[in-house]
């Protein structure tokens, strides 16, 4: 079952509100987020979608999750895009910055 962006946002808001006042529900959110989400939204999340919910630690104002580590090596395209501060030099369409939109044209 597909989720709209609006459904995701509304479900998150409802979970946050309930978990801030209902200790049993809070424990469910932390131990079985899929079930807590279904309880609030009436919808299952896709089986291949993995979710982890953490609570903020005492004394910490905000917790953030870092993006996945992608490694230190740049691809050849990344290197082309940053070499000398310029990307491909192919003309006015992409102006030499970022990705080339002039594919098939002489660079």
Protein backbone atom coordinates (compact mmCIF):
# COMPACT_ATOMS: atom_id res chain seq x y z
CA UNK A 1 0.00 0.00 0.00
CA UNK A 2 1.49 3.33 -1.04
CA UNK A 3 1.82 6.27 1.32
CA UNK A 4 1.45 9.90 0.34
CA UNK A 5 3.78 12.50 1.80
CA UNK A 6 0.79 13.98 3.64
CA UNK A 7 -0.06 10.59 5.22
CA UNK A 8 3.53 10.11 6.38
CA UNK A 9 3.65 13.57 7.94
CA UNK A 10 0.27 13.17 9.67
CA UNK A 11 1.24 9.73 11.03
CA UNK A 12 4.55 11.02 12.39
CA UNK A 13 2.79 13.92 14.11
CA UNK A 14 0.19 11.60 15.68
CA UNK A 15 2.87 9.16 16.86
CA UNK A 16 4.92 11.96 18.40
CA UNK A 17 1.90 13.38 20.19
CA UNK A 18 0.73 10.05 21.58
CA UNK A 19 4.22 8.81 22.48
CA UNK A 20 4.85 11.97 24.50
CA UNK A 21 1.91 11.24 26.84
CA UNK A 22 1.32 7.45 26.71
CA UNK A 23 4.21 5.42 28.18
CA UNK A 24 2.95 2.02 26.91
CA UNK A 25 2.55 3.38 23.39
CA UNK A 26 5.99 4.98 23.61
CA UNK A 27 7.49 1.60 24.49
CA UNK A 28 5.67 0.04 21.50
CA UNK A 29 7.00 2.74 19.18
CA UNK A 30 10.55 1.99 20.30
CA UNK A 31 10.26 -1.81 20.28
CA UNK A 32 7.90 -2.39 17.35
CA UNK A 33 7.55 0.75 15.23
CA UNK A 34 5.77 -1.08 12.41
CA UNK A 35 2.94 -2.10 14.77
CA UNK A 36 2.73 1.38 16.31
CA UNK A 37 2.52 2.92 12.83
CA UNK A 38 -0.28 0.53 11.86
CA UNK A 39 -2.12 1.29 15.11
CA UNK A 40 -2.06 5.03 14.38
CA UNK A 41 -2.54 5.00 10.61
CA UNK A 42 -4.42 1.78 9.95
CA UNK A 43 -1.87 1.04 7.22
CA UNK A 44 1.06 -1.36 7.00
CA UNK A 45 4.43 -0.10 5.91
CA UNK A 46 6.01 -2.06 3.04
CA UNK A 47 7.75 -5.26 4.22
CA UNK A 48 11.03 -4.22 2.60
CA UNK A 49 11.01 -0.81 4.33
CA UNK A 50 13.00 -0.92 7.57
CA UNK A 51 12.46 1.72 10.22
CA UNK A 52 14.13 2.48 13.53
CA UNK A 53 12.81 5.02 16.00
CA UNK A 54 14.98 6.32 18.83
CA UNK A 55 14.16 8.55 21.74
CA UNK A 56 16.13 11.63 22.56
CA UNK A 57 18.65 11.15 25.37
CA UNK A 58 18.23 13.14 28.58
CA UNK A 59 20.10 16.43 28.49
CA UNK A 60 20.22 16.46 24.67
CA UNK A 61 18.16 19.12 22.93
CA UNK A 62 17.94 17.41 19.52
CA UNK A 63 19.01 14.08 17.98
CA UNK A 64 19.94 13.88 14.28
CA UNK A 65 20.65 10.86 12.10
CA UNK A 66 23.61 11.03 9.77
CA UNK A 67 23.17 9.92 6.16
CA UNK A 68 24.61 6.60 5.03
CA UNK A 69 28.39 6.63 4.59
CA UNK A 70 29.16 6.44 0.88
CA UNK A 71 32.93 6.20 1.06
CA UNK A 72 35.81 8.48 0.43
CA UNK A 73 36.45 7.77 -3.23
CA UNK A 74 34.85 10.00 -5.84
CA UNK A 75 33.49 8.58 -9.08
CA UNK A 76 34.99 9.68 -12.39
CA UNK A 77 31.88 11.84 -12.95
CA UNK A 78 32.33 13.47 -9.53
CA UNK A 79 35.95 14.21 -10.38
CA UNK A 80 34.97 15.66 -13.76
CA UNK A 81 32.41 17.89 -12.08
CA UNK A 82 34.87 19.39 -9.61
CA UNK A 83 38.14 19.36 -11.55
CA UNK A 84 39.58 22.87 -11.42
CA UNK A 85 36.30 24.14 -10.00
CA UNK A 86 34.56 23.51 -13.30
CA UNK A 87 32.56 20.68 -14.77
CA UNK A 88 32.47 19.87 -18.46
CA UNK A 89 33.11 22.88 -20.64
CA UNK A 90 30.51 22.38 -23.31
CA UNK A 91 28.86 25.70 -23.83
CA UNK A 92 26.11 27.91 -22.62
CA UNK A 93 23.50 25.30 -21.75
CA UNK A 94 25.28 24.01 -18.64
CA UNK A 95 27.83 26.82 -18.43
CA UNK A 96 30.53 24.36 -17.40
CA UNK A 97 29.09 23.78 -13.91
CA UNK A 98 27.64 20.57 -12.48
CA UNK A 99 26.20 17.91 -14.74
CA UNK A 100 26.45 18.36 -18.48
CA UNK A 101 23.10 18.89 -20.18
CA UNK A 102 24.72 18.96 -23.60
CA UNK A 103 25.13 15.20 -23.97
CA UNK A 104 26.00 14.19 -27.47
CA UNK A 105 27.53 17.57 -28.22
CA UNK A 106 31.24 18.21 -28.41
CA UNK A 107 32.67 19.14 -25.03
